[in-house]
Amino acid sequence: MRPDRLFPSAITVHNVTQDGPPDEMGDPTEETTDTTYARAGSVWQVQRSDETGNTDVQSEEWKGALRRDLAAVVSGGDRIEVEGMTFEVEGPPWPARNPRTGRIEFLELTLRRTT
């Protein structure tokens, strides 16, 4: 199987830093740098739950996979945009290794949907 078939979607990476000009309280503000990569990854929903009762609680769990060459590009706290949805990367990407060769095959992400 061709590896590019595993990563059909274009991914926009929003690298987030706290290097912006200070706000009114003197704290640095968020600054982002955006880069789009063609055929770079995919995102899927792992779990969704709705609880009914006095309050409605909805939780979602999302995972993502990115090409291995993007290891130095994405880190925890960054955001990625895929097919009109935006996700925050929770924690560092996990390098999924081939157990036979030890080679990194792709990066797995734990995501939280923000829009």
PDB file of N, CA and C in Angstrom:
ATOM      1  N   MET A   1       0.836  -1.178   0.000  1.00  0.00           N
ATOM      2  CA  MET A   1       0.000   0.000   0.000  1.00  0.00           C
ATOM      3  C   MET A   1       0.882   1.243   0.000  1.00  0.00           C
ATOM      4  N   ARG A   2       0.492   2.210  -0.799  1.00  0.00           N
ATOM      5  CA  ARG A   2       1.231   3.466  -0.844  1.00  0.00           C
ATOM      6  C   ARG A   2       0.941   4.276   0.411  1.00  0.00           C
ATOM      7  N   PRO A   3       1.985   4.792   1.084  1.00  0.00           N
ATOM      8  CA  PRO A   3       1.775   5.548   2.328  1.00  0.00           C
ATOM      9  C   PRO A   3       0.888   6.774   2.159  1.00  0.00           C
ATOM     10  N   ASP A   4       0.907   7.417   0.987  1.00  0.00           N
ATOM     11  CA  ASP A   4       0.102   8.628   0.820  1.00  0.00           C
ATOM     12  C   ASP A   4      -1.390   8.331   0.860  1.00  0.00           C
ATOM     13  N   ARG A   5      -1.794   7.083   0.689  1.00  0.00           N
ATOM     14  CA  ARG A   5      -3.209   6.730   0.805  1.00  0.00           C
ATOM     15  C   ARG A   5      -3.675   6.778   2.254  1.00  0.00           C
ATOM     16  N   LEU A   6      -2.741   6.663   3.201  1.00  0.00           N
ATOM     17  CA  LEU A   6      -3.099   6.728   4.610  1.00  0.00           C
ATOM     18  C   LEU A   6      -3.346   8.160   5.074  1.00  0.00           C
ATOM     19  N   PHE A   7      -2.849   9.132   4.330  1.00  0.00           N
ATOM     20  CA  PHE A   7      -2.925  10.536   4.731  1.00  0.00           C
ATOM     21  C   PHE A   7      -3.584  11.361   3.623  1.00  0.00           C
ATOM     22  N   PRO A   8      -4.899  11.238   3.464  1.00  0.00           N
ATOM     23  CA  PRO A   8      -5.558  11.867   2.320  1.00  0.00           C
ATOM     24  C   PRO A   8      -5.809  13.365   2.452  1.00  0.00           C
ATOM     25  N   SER A   9      -5.802  13.892   3.661  1.00  0.00           N
ATOM     26  CA  SER A   9      -6.257  15.264   3.865  1.00  0.00           C
ATOM     27  C   SER A   9      -5.115  16.261   3.982  1.00  0.00           C
ATOM     28  N   ALA A  10      -5.400  17.460   3.483  1.00  0.00           N
ATOM     29  CA  ALA A  10      -4.483  18.579   3.720  1.00  0.00           C
ATOM     30  C   ALA A  10      -4.639  18.998   5.177  1.00  0.00           C
ATOM     31  N   ILE A  11      -3.534  19.329   5.812  1.00  0.00           N
ATOM     32  CA  ILE A  11      -3.523  19.719   7.223  1.00  0.00           C
ATOM     33  C   ILE A  11      -2.904  21.108   7.323  1.00  0.00           C
ATOM     34  N   THR A  12      -3.599  22.010   8.005  1.00  0.00           N
ATOM     35  CA  THR A  12      -3.013  23.304   8.331  1.00  0.00           C
ATOM     36  C   THR A  12      -2.577  23.250   9.784  1.00  0.00           C
ATOM     37  N   VAL A  13      -1.307  23.487  10.015  1.00  0.00           N
ATOM     38  CA  VAL A  13      -0.753  23.475  11.369  1.00  0.00           C
ATOM     39  C   VAL A  13      -0.661  24.916  11.837  1.00  0.00           C
ATOM     40  N   HIS A  14      -1.267  25.186  12.979  1.00  0.00           N
ATOM     41  CA  HIS A  14      -1.204  26.497  13.617  1.00  0.00           C
ATOM     42  C   HIS A  14      -0.254  26.350  14.804  1.00  0.00           C
ATOM     43  N   ASN A  15       1.018  26.690  14.605  1.00  0.00           N
ATOM     44  CA  ASN A  15       1.995  26.627  15.698  1.00  0.00           C
ATOM     45  C   ASN A  15       1.734  27.788  16.636  1.00  0.00           C
ATOM     46  N   VAL A  16       1.520  27.481  17.899  1.00  0.00           N
ATOM     47  CA  VAL A  16       1.126  28.472  18.894  1.00  0.00           C
ATOM     48  C   VAL A  16       2.303  28.757  19.828  1.00  0.00           C
ATOM     49  N   THR A  17       2.610  30.037  20.001  1.00  0.00           N
ATOM     50  CA  THR A  17       3.621  30.459  20.975  1.00  0.00           C
ATOM     51  C   THR A  17       3.028  31.581  21.818  1.00  0.00           C
ATOM     52  N   GLN A  18       3.654  31.868  22.916  1.00  0.00           N
ATOM     53  CA  GLN A  18       3.225  32.967  23.789  1.00  0.00           C
ATOM     54  C   GLN A  18       4.188  34.139  23.630  1.00  0.00           C
ATOM     55  N   ASP A  19       4.479  34.495  22.383  1.00  0.00           N
ATOM     56  CA  ASP A  19       5.448  35.541  22.082  1.00  0.00           C
ATOM     57  C   ASP A  19       4.824  36.846  21.611  1.00  0.00           C
ATOM     58  N   GLY A  20       3.503  36.945  21.666  1.00  0.00           N
ATOM     59  CA  GLY A  20       2.839  38.150  21.194  1.00  0.00           C
ATOM     60  C   GLY A  20       3.032  39.325  22.137  1.00  0.00           C
ATOM     61  N   PRO A  21       2.593  40.496  21.738  1.00  0.00           N
ATOM     62  CA  PRO A  21       2.742  41.680  22.584  1.00  0.00           C
ATOM     63  C   PRO A  21       1.959  41.513  23.882  1.00  0.00           C
ATOM     64  N   PRO A  22       2.432  42.118  24.965  1.00  0.00           N
ATOM     65  CA  PRO A  22       1.751  41.980  26.257  1.00  0.00           C
ATOM     66  C   PRO A  22       0.325  42.528  26.211  1.00  0.00           C
ATOM     67  N   ASP A  23      -0.563  41.859  26.952  1.00  0.00           N
ATOM     68  CA  ASP A  23      -1.927  42.356  27.065  1.00  0.00           C
ATOM     69  C   ASP A  23      -1.990  43.422  28.157  1.00  0.00           C
ATOM     70  N   GLU A  24      -3.190  43.856  28.522  1.00  0.00           N
ATOM     71  CA  GLU A  24      -3.339  44.935  29.496  1.00  0.00           C
ATOM     72  C   GLU A  24      -2.837  44.558  30.893  1.00  0.00           C
ATOM     73  N   MET A  25      -2.677  43.256  31.157  1.00  0.00           N
ATOM     74  CA  MET A  25      -2.156  42.802  32.451  1.00  0.00           C
ATOM     75  C   MET A  25      -0.645  42.565  32.404  1.00  0.00           C
ATOM     76  N   GLY A  26      -0.043  42.754  31.226  1.00  0.00           N
ATOM     77  CA  GLY A  26       1.390  42.562  31.081  1.00  0.00           C
ATOM     78  C   GLY A  26       1.800  41.151  30.711  1.00  0.00           C
ATOM     79  N   ASP A  27       0.818  40.265  30.520  1.00  0.00           N
ATOM     80  CA  ASP A  27       1.113  38.887  30.136  1.00  0.00           C
ATOM     81  C   ASP A  27       1.289  38.787  28.622  1.00  0.00           C
ATOM     82  N   PRO A  28       2.207  37.928  28.160  1.00  0.00           N
ATOM     83  CA  PRO A  28       2.364  37.775  26.710  1.00  0.00           C
ATOM     84  C   PRO A  28       1.103  37.174  26.094  1.00  0.00           C
ATOM     85  N   THR A  29       0.835  37.526  24.871  1.00  0.00           N
ATOM     86  CA  THR A  29      -0.343  37.014  24.173  1.00  0.00           C
ATOM     87  C   THR A  29       0.068  35.923  23.190  1.00  0.00           C
ATOM     88  N   GLU A  30      -0.934  35.202  22.755  1.00  0.00           N
ATOM     89  CA  GLU A  30      -0.715  34.100  21.827  1.00  0.00           C
ATOM     90  C   GLU A  30      -0.397  34.619  20.429  1.00  0.00           C
ATOM     91  N   GLU A  31       0.559  33.978  19.811  1.00  0.00           N
ATOM     92  CA  GLU A  31       0.917  34.281  18.429  1.00  0.00           C
ATOM     93  C   GLU A  31       0.956  32.965  17.670  1.00  0.00           C
ATOM     94  N   THR A  32       0.425  32.950  16.455  1.00  0.00           N
ATOM     95  CA  THR A  32       0.409  31.714  15.681  1.00  0.00           C
ATOM     96  C   THR A  32       1.110  31.898  14.346  1.00  0.00           C
ATOM     97  N   THR A  33       1.688  30.797  13.878  1.00  0.00           N
ATOM     98  CA  THR A  33       2.272  30.718  12.549  1.00  0.00           C
ATOM     99  C   THR A  33       1.570  29.569  11.847  1.00  0.00           C
ATOM    100  N   ASP A  34       0.991  29.835  10.684  1.00  0.00           N
ATOM    101  CA  ASP A  34       0.197  28.835   9.978  1.00  0.00           C
ATOM    102  C   ASP A  34       0.941  28.308   8.760  1.00  0.00           C
ATOM    103  N   THR A  35       0.925  26.971   8.603  1.00  0.00           N
ATOM    104  CA  THR A  35       1.517  26.316   7.444  1.00  0.00           C
ATOM    105  C   THR A  35       0.594  25.189   7.017  1.00  0.00           C
ATOM    106  N   THR A  36       0.340  25.072   5.711  1.00  0.00           N
ATOM    107  CA  THR A  36      -0.512  24.006   5.190  1.00  0.00           C
ATOM    108  C   THR A  36       0.332  22.976   4.465  1.00  0.00           C
ATOM    109  N   TYR A  37       0.024  21.707   4.747  1.00  0.00           N
ATOM    110  CA  TYR A  37       0.730  20.584   4.139  1.00  0.00           C
ATOM    111  C   TYR A  37      -0.290  19.730   3.388  1.00  0.00           C
ATOM    112  N   ALA A  38      -0.013  19.461   2.107  1.00  0.00           N
ATOM    113  CA  ALA A  38      -0.905  18.641   1.289  1.00  0.00           C
ATOM    114  C   ALA A  38      -0.727  17.171   1.639  1.00  0.00           C
ATOM    115  N   ARG A  39      -1.824  16.430   1.611  1.00  0.00           N
ATOM    116  CA  ARG A  39      -1.810  14.981   1.861  1.00  0.00           C
ATOM    117  C   ARG A  39      -0.938  14.643   3.067  1.00  0.00           C
ATOM    118  N   ALA A  40      -1.273  15.260   4.200  1.00  0.00           N
ATOM    119  CA  ALA A  40      -0.408  15.159   5.371  1.00  0.00           C
ATOM    120  C   ALA A  40      -0.974  14.318   6.494  1.00  0.00           C
ATOM    121  N   GLY A  41      -2.288  14.054   6.515  1.00  0.00           N
ATOM    122  CA  GLY A  41      -2.807  13.322   7.649  1.00  0.00           C
ATOM    123  C   GLY A  41      -4.276  12.998   7.547  1.00  0.00           C
ATOM    124  N   SER A  42      -4.786  12.498   8.657  1.00  0.00           N
ATOM    125  CA  SER A  42      -6.210  12.208   8.779  1.00  0.00           C
ATOM    126  C   SER A  42      -6.605  12.310  10.245  1.00  0.00           C
ATOM    127  N   VAL A  43      -7.899  12.512  10.478  1.00  0.00           N
ATOM    128  CA  VAL A  43      -8.450  12.663  11.819  1.00  0.00           C
ATOM    129  C   VAL A  43      -9.701  11.800  11.886  1.00  0.00           C
ATOM    130  N   TRP A  44      -9.914  11.141  13.050  1.00  0.00           N
ATOM    131  CA  TRP A  44     -11.114  10.336  13.219  1.00  0.00           C
ATOM    132  C   TRP A  44     -11.593  10.443  14.658  1.00  0.00           C
ATOM    133  N   GLN A  45     -12.897  10.242  14.810  1.00  0.00           N
ATOM    134  CA  GLN A  45     -13.503  10.291  16.132  1.00  0.00           C
ATOM    135  C   GLN A  45     -13.430   8.899  16.752  1.00  0.00           C
ATOM    136  N   VAL A  46     -12.941   8.843  17.988  1.00  0.00           N
ATOM    137  CA  VAL A  46     -12.780   7.567  18.672  1.00  0.00           C
ATOM    138  C   VAL A  46     -13.990   7.263  19.544  1.00  0.00           C
ATOM    139  N   GLN A  47     -14.517   8.282  20.212  1.00  0.00           N
ATOM    140  CA  GLN A  47     -15.607   8.060  21.158  1.00  0.00           C
ATOM    141  C   GLN A  47     -16.469   9.296  21.264  1.00  0.00           C
ATOM    142  N   ARG A  48     -17.737   9.071  21.510  1.00  0.00           N
ATOM    143  CA  ARG A  48     -18.670  10.162  21.793  1.00  0.00           C
ATOM    144  C   ARG A  48     -19.667   9.634  22.804  1.00  0.00           C
ATOM    145  N   SER A  49     -19.974  10.427  23.791  1.00  0.00           N
ATOM    146  CA  SER A  49     -20.952   9.985  24.771  1.00  0.00           C
ATOM    147  C   SER A  49     -21.876  11.134  25.127  1.00  0.00           C
ATOM    148  N   ASP A  50     -23.137  10.792  25.307  1.00  0.00           N
ATOM    149  CA  ASP A  50     -24.153  11.733  25.750  1.00  0.00           C
ATOM    150  C   ASP A  50     -24.818  11.137  26.976  1.00  0.00           C
ATOM    151  N   GLU A  51     -24.862  11.889  28.052  1.00  0.00           N
ATOM    152  CA  GLU A  51     -25.546  11.444  29.253  1.00  0.00           C
ATOM    153  C   GLU A  51     -26.750  12.347  29.460  1.00  0.00           C
ATOM    154  N   THR A  52     -27.874  11.764  29.755  1.00  0.00           N
ATOM    155  CA  THR A  52     -29.072  12.558  29.992  1.00  0.00           C
ATOM    156  C   THR A  52     -29.454  12.461  31.451  1.00  0.00           C
ATOM    157  N   GLY A  53     -30.172  13.412  31.880  1.00  0.00           N
ATOM    158  CA  GLY A  53     -30.587  13.535  33.272  1.00  0.00           C
ATOM    159  C   GLY A  53     -30.903  14.979  33.495  1.00  0.00           C
ATOM    160  N   ASN A  54     -30.455  15.508  34.620  1.00  0.00           N
ATOM    161  CA  ASN A  54     -30.669  16.928  34.884  1.00  0.00           C
ATOM    162  C   ASN A  54     -29.843  17.805  33.962  1.00  0.00           C
ATOM    163  N   THR A  55     -28.692  17.315  33.552  1.00  0.00           N
ATOM    164  CA  THR A  55     -27.841  18.074  32.638  1.00  0.00           C
ATOM    165  C   THR A  55     -27.389  17.167  31.506  1.00  0.00           C
ATOM    166  N   ASP A  56     -27.165  17.747  30.365  1.00  0.00           N
ATOM    167  CA  ASP A  56     -26.643  17.002  29.226  1.00  0.00           C
ATOM    168  C   ASP A  56     -25.136  17.156  29.204  1.00  0.00           C
ATOM    169  N   VAL A  57     -24.439  16.049  29.161  1.00  0.00           N
ATOM    170  CA  VAL A  57     -22.992  16.056  29.101  1.00  0.00           C
ATOM    171  C   VAL A  57     -22.581  15.370  27.815  1.00  0.00           C
ATOM    172  N   GLN A  58     -21.771  16.009  27.049  1.00  0.00           N
ATOM    173  CA  GLN A  58     -21.287  15.425  25.817  1.00  0.00           C
ATOM    174  C   GLN A  58     -19.773  15.459  25.832  1.00  0.00           C
ATOM    175  N   SER A  59     -19.181  14.341  25.533  1.00  0.00           N
ATOM    176  CA  SER A  59     -17.732  14.310  25.432  1.00  0.00           C
ATOM    177  C   SER A  59     -17.351  13.607  24.143  1.00  0.00           C
ATOM    178  N   GLU A  60     -16.279  14.055  23.567  1.00  0.00           N
ATOM    179  CA  GLU A  60     -15.774  13.480  22.334  1.00  0.00           C
ATOM    180  C   GLU A  60     -14.297  13.193  22.511  1.00  0.00           C
ATOM    181  N   GLU A  61     -13.853  12.163  21.857  1.00  0.00           N
ATOM    182  CA  GLU A  61     -12.426  11.870  21.826  1.00  0.00           C
ATOM    183  C   GLU A  61     -12.025  11.715  20.372  1.00  0.00           C
ATOM    184  N   TRP A  62     -10.966  12.405  19.990  1.00  0.00           N
ATOM    185  CA  TRP A  62     -10.497  12.404  18.611  1.00  0.00           C
ATOM    186  C   TRP A  62      -9.037  11.973  18.572  1.00  0.00           C
ATOM    187  N   LYS A  63      -8.669  11.320  17.504  1.00  0.00           N
ATOM    188  CA  LYS A  63      -7.276  10.938  17.246  1.00  0.00           C
ATOM    189  C   LYS A  63      -6.912  11.447  15.859  1.00  0.00           C
ATOM    190  N   GLY A  64      -5.635  11.596  15.641  1.00  0.00           N
ATOM    191  CA  GLY A  64      -5.150  12.015  14.337  1.00  0.00           C
ATOM    192  C   GLY A  64      -3.861  11.298  14.013  1.00  0.00           C
ATOM    193  N   ALA A  65      -3.563  11.230  12.743  1.00  0.00           N
ATOM    194  CA  ALA A  65      -2.299  10.654  12.281  1.00  0.00           C
ATOM    195  C   ALA A  65      -1.693  11.626  11.275  1.00  0.00           C
ATOM    196  N   LEU A  66      -0.404  11.859  11.405  1.00  0.00           N
ATOM    197  CA  LEU A  66       0.323  12.744  10.496  1.00  0.00           C
ATOM    198  C   LEU A  66       1.511  11.996   9.914  1.00  0.00           C
ATOM    199  N   ARG A  67       1.939  12.453   8.753  1.00  0.00           N
ATOM    200  CA  ARG A  67       3.149  11.888   8.162  1.00  0.00           C
ATOM    201  C   ARG A  67       4.316  12.043   9.124  1.00  0.00           C
ATOM    202  N   ARG A  68       5.229  11.098   9.084  1.00  0.00           N
ATOM    203  CA  ARG A  68       6.362  11.107  10.006  1.00  0.00           C
ATOM    204  C   ARG A  68       7.294  12.297   9.799  1.00  0.00           C
ATOM    205  N   ASP A  69       7.335  12.862   8.585  1.00  0.00           N
ATOM    206  CA  ASP A  69       8.227  13.993   8.348  1.00  0.00           C
ATOM    207  C   ASP A  69       7.741  15.284   9.026  1.00  0.00           C
ATOM    208  N   LEU A  70       6.572  15.245   9.652  1.00  0.00           N
ATOM    209  CA  LEU A  70       6.056  16.421  10.356  1.00  0.00           C
ATOM    210  C   LEU A  70       6.355  16.377  11.857  1.00  0.00           C
ATOM    211  N   ALA A  71       7.232  15.454  12.276  1.00  0.00           N
ATOM    212  CA  ALA A  71       7.545  15.290  13.702  1.00  0.00           C
ATOM    213  C   ALA A  71       8.071  16.577  14.327  1.00  0.00           C
ATOM    214  N   ALA A  72       8.891  17.317  13.617  1.00  0.00           N
ATOM    215  CA  ALA A  72       9.473  18.536  14.164  1.00  0.00           C
ATOM    216  C   ALA A  72       8.551  19.747  13.993  1.00  0.00           C
ATOM    217  N   VAL A  73       7.393  19.544  13.376  1.00  0.00           N
ATOM    218  CA  VAL A  73       6.507  20.657  13.047  1.00  0.00           C
ATOM    219  C   VAL A  73       5.401  20.839  14.078  1.00  0.00           C
ATOM    220  N   VAL A  74       4.906  19.750  14.666  1.00  0.00           N
ATOM    221  CA  VAL A  74       3.741  19.794  15.548  1.00  0.00           C
ATOM    222  C   VAL A  74       4.147  19.419  16.968  1.00  0.00           C
ATOM    223  N   SER A  75       3.615  20.169  17.935  1.00  0.00           N
ATOM    224  CA  SER A  75       3.850  19.831  19.338  1.00  0.00           C
ATOM    225  C   SER A  75       2.568  20.080  20.135  1.00  0.00           C
ATOM    226  N   GLY A  76       2.563  19.644  21.381  1.00  0.00           N
ATOM    227  CA  GLY A  76       1.409  19.847  22.239  1.00  0.00           C
ATOM    228  C   GLY A  76       1.083  21.322  22.381  1.00  0.00           C
ATOM    229  N   GLY A  77      -0.200  21.655  22.362  1.00  0.00           N
ATOM    230  CA  GLY A  77      -0.635  23.044  22.459  1.00  0.00           C
ATOM    231  C   GLY A  77      -0.845  23.705  21.112  1.00  0.00           C
ATOM    232  N   ASP A  78      -0.303  23.106  20.040  1.00  0.00           N
ATOM    233  CA  ASP A  78      -0.556  23.617  18.699  1.00  0.00           C
ATOM    234  C   ASP A  78      -1.980  23.254  18.292  1.00  0.00           C
ATOM    235  N   ARG A  79      -2.447  23.830  17.205  1.00  0.00           N
ATOM    236  CA  ARG A  79      -3.754  23.488  16.648  1.00  0.00           C
ATOM    237  C   ARG A  79      -3.562  23.000  15.219  1.00  0.00           C
ATOM    238  N   ILE A  80      -4.430  22.076  14.813  1.00  0.00           N
ATOM    239  CA  ILE A  80      -4.438  21.648  13.420  1.00  0.00           C
ATOM    240  C   ILE A  80      -5.839  21.832  12.869  1.00  0.00           C
ATOM    241  N   GLU A  81      -5.899  22.121  11.586  1.00  0.00           N
ATOM    242  CA  GLU A  81      -7.178  22.297  10.906  1.00  0.00           C
ATOM    243  C   GLU A  81      -7.260  21.275   9.795  1.00  0.00           C
ATOM    244  N   VAL A  82      -8.367  20.515   9.794  1.00  0.00           N
ATOM    245  CA  VAL A  82      -8.578  19.452   8.825  1.00  0.00           C
ATOM    246  C   VAL A  82     -10.013  19.533   8.335  1.00  0.00           C
ATOM    247  N   GLU A  83     -10.207  19.700   7.052  1.00  0.00           N
ATOM    248  CA  GLU A  83     -11.533  19.692   6.433  1.00  0.00           C
ATOM    249  C   GLU A  83     -12.535  20.567   7.176  1.00  0.00           C
ATOM    250  N   GLY A  84     -12.114  21.773   7.532  1.00  0.00           N
ATOM    251  CA  GLY A  84     -12.997  22.744   8.149  1.00  0.00           C
ATOM    252  C   GLY A  84     -13.159  22.607   9.657  1.00  0.00           C
ATOM    253  N   MET A  85     -12.542  21.611  10.267  1.00  0.00           N
ATOM    254  CA  MET A  85     -12.607  21.444  11.719  1.00  0.00           C
ATOM    255  C   MET A  85     -11.246  21.779  12.318  1.00  0.00           C
ATOM    256  N   THR A  86     -11.274  22.406  13.496  1.00  0.00           N
ATOM    257  CA  THR A  86     -10.037  22.772  14.176  1.00  0.00           C
ATOM    258  C   THR A  86      -9.912  21.963  15.459  1.00  0.00           C
ATOM    259  N   PHE A  87      -8.705  21.474  15.710  1.00  0.00           N
ATOM    260  CA  PHE A  87      -8.429  20.644  16.880  1.00  0.00           C
ATOM    261  C   PHE A  87      -7.196  21.177  17.595  1.00  0.00           C
ATOM    262  N   GLU A  88      -7.203  21.083  18.923  1.00  0.00           N
ATOM    263  CA  GLU A  88      -6.009  21.385  19.707  1.00  0.00           C
ATOM    264  C   GLU A  88      -5.277  20.079  19.974  1.00  0.00           C
ATOM    265  N   VAL A  89      -3.961  20.100  19.793  1.00  0.00           N
ATOM    266  CA  VAL A  89      -3.135  18.925  20.039  1.00  0.00           C
ATOM    267  C   VAL A  89      -2.887  18.837  21.541  1.00  0.00           C
ATOM    268  N   GLU A  90      -3.335  17.738  22.143  1.00  0.00           N
ATOM    269  CA  GLU A  90      -3.171  17.537  23.580  1.00  0.00           C
ATOM    270  C   GLU A  90      -1.942  16.679  23.823  1.00  0.00           C
ATOM    271  N   GLY A  91      -0.907  17.288  24.323  1.00  0.00           N
ATOM    272  CA  GLY A  91       0.328  16.561  24.594  1.00  0.00           C
ATOM    273  C   GLY A  91       1.169  16.379  23.346  1.00  0.00           C
ATOM    274  N   PRO A  92       2.361  15.855  23.526  1.00  0.00           N
ATOM    275  CA  PRO A  92       3.251  15.682  22.373  1.00  0.00           C
ATOM    276  C   PRO A  92       2.768  14.562  21.453  1.00  0.00           C
ATOM    277  N   PRO A  93       3.040  14.664  20.159  1.00  0.00           N
ATOM    278  CA  PRO A  93       2.709  13.582  19.234  1.00  0.00           C
ATOM    279  C   PRO A  93       3.468  12.310  19.621  1.00  0.00           C
ATOM    280  N   TRP A  94       2.818  11.185  19.407  1.00  0.00           N
ATOM    281  CA  TRP A  94       3.417   9.893  19.731  1.00  0.00           C
ATOM    282  C   TRP A  94       3.927   9.256  18.445  1.00  0.00           C
ATOM    283  N   PRO A  95       5.212   8.937  18.366  1.00  0.00           N
ATOM    284  CA  PRO A  95       5.744   8.306  17.152  1.00  0.00           C
ATOM    285  C   PRO A  95       5.381   6.816  17.126  1.00  0.00           C
ATOM    286  N   ALA A  96       4.553   6.422  16.168  1.00  0.00           N
ATOM    287  CA  ALA A  96       4.167   5.017  16.011  1.00  0.00           C
ATOM    288  C   ALA A  96       5.252   4.309  15.213  1.00  0.00           C
ATOM    289  N   ARG A  97       5.906   3.354  15.849  1.00  0.00           N
ATOM    290  CA  ARG A  97       7.037   2.655  15.233  1.00  0.00           C
ATOM    291  C   ARG A  97       6.629   1.295  14.702  1.00  0.00           C
ATOM    292  N   ASN A  98       7.248   0.912  13.611  1.00  0.00           N
ATOM    293  CA  ASN A  98       7.096  -0.434  13.069  1.00  0.00           C
ATOM    294  C   ASN A  98       7.869  -1.365  13.997  1.00  0.00           C
ATOM    295  N   PRO A  99       7.218  -2.380  14.600  1.00  0.00           N
ATOM    296  CA  PRO A  99       7.915  -3.229  15.556  1.00  0.00           C
ATOM    297  C   PRO A  99       9.039  -4.066  14.938  1.00  0.00           C
ATOM    298  N   ARG A 100       8.951  -4.293  13.659  1.00  0.00           N
ATOM    299  CA  ARG A 100       9.968  -5.103  12.992  1.00  0.00           C
ATOM    300  C   ARG A 100      11.207  -4.290  12.662  1.00  0.00           C
ATOM    301  N   THR A 101      11.009  -3.073  12.156  1.00  0.00           N
ATOM    302  CA  THR A 101      12.142  -2.267  11.704  1.00  0.00           C
ATOM    303  C   THR A 101      12.564  -1.195  12.713  1.00  0.00           C
ATOM    304  N   GLY A 102      11.656  -0.829  13.631  1.00  0.00           N
ATOM    305  CA  GLY A 102      11.940   0.251  14.570  1.00  0.00           C
ATOM    306  C   GLY A 102      11.782   1.632  13.958  1.00  0.00           C
ATOM    307  N   ARG A 103      11.407   1.689  12.703  1.00  0.00           N
ATOM    308  CA  ARG A 103      11.246   2.957  11.975  1.00  0.00           C
ATOM    309  C   ARG A 103       9.914   3.615  12.335  1.00  0.00           C
ATOM    310  N   ILE A 104       9.932   4.918  12.494  1.00  0.00           N
ATOM    311  CA  ILE A 104       8.691   5.653  12.736  1.00  0.00           C
ATOM    312  C   ILE A 104       7.869   5.631  11.452  1.00  0.00           C
ATOM    313  N   GLU A 105       6.626   5.150  11.562  1.00  0.00           N
ATOM    314  CA  GLU A 105       5.741   5.057  10.402  1.00  0.00           C
ATOM    315  C   GLU A 105       4.837   6.280  10.267  1.00  0.00           C
ATOM    316  N   PHE A 106       4.360   6.791  11.406  1.00  0.00           N
ATOM    317  CA  PHE A 106       3.509   7.979  11.405  1.00  0.00           C
ATOM    318  C   PHE A 106       3.490   8.535  12.817  1.00  0.00           C
ATOM    319  N   LEU A 107       2.885   9.711  12.978  1.00  0.00           N
ATOM    320  CA  LEU A 107       2.715  10.335  14.292  1.00  0.00           C
ATOM    321  C   LEU A 107       1.254  10.234  14.688  1.00  0.00           C
ATOM    322  N   GLU A 108       0.997   9.794  15.896  1.00  0.00           N
ATOM    323  CA  GLU A 108      -0.379   9.732  16.394  1.00  0.00           C
ATOM    324  C   GLU A 108      -0.604  10.906  17.338  1.00  0.00           C
ATOM    325  N   LEU A 109      -1.755  11.552  17.202  1.00  0.00           N
ATOM    326  CA  LEU A 109      -2.087  12.728  18.000  1.00  0.00           C
ATOM    327  C   LEU A 109      -3.348  12.470  18.808  1.00  0.00           C
ATOM    328  N   THR A 110      -3.389  12.980  20.020  1.00  0.00           N
ATOM    329  CA  THR A 110      -4.625  13.042  20.794  1.00  0.00           C
ATOM    330  C   THR A 110      -5.141  14.456  20.625  1.00  0.00           C
ATOM    331  N   LEU A 111      -6.401  14.579  20.217  1.00  0.00           N
ATOM    332  CA  LEU A 111      -6.941  15.879  19.825  1.00  0.00           C
ATOM    333  C   LEU A 111      -8.198  16.229  20.610  1.00  0.00           C
ATOM    334  N   ARG A 112      -8.433  17.529  20.738  1.00  0.00           N
ATOM    335  CA  ARG A 112      -9.675  18.058  21.302  1.00  0.00           C
ATOM    336  C   ARG A 112     -10.245  19.036  20.294  1.00  0.00           C
ATOM    337  N   ARG A 113     -11.478  18.784  19.870  1.00  0.00           N
ATOM    338  CA  ARG A 113     -12.084  19.650  18.852  1.00  0.00           C
ATOM    339  C   ARG A 113     -12.445  20.988  19.452  1.00  0.00           C
ATOM    340  N   THR A 114     -12.071  22.051  18.742  1.00  0.00           N
ATOM    341  CA  THR A 114     -12.339  23.405  19.235  1.00  0.00           C
ATOM    342  C   THR A 114     -13.420  24.105  18.432  1.00  0.00           C
ATOM    343  N   THR A 115     -13.739  23.626  17.228  1.00  0.00           N
ATOM    344  CA  THR A 115     -14.859  24.204  16.458  1.00  0.00           C
ATOM    345  C   THR A 115     -15.630  23.118  15.788  1.00  0.00           C
TER     346      THR A 115
END
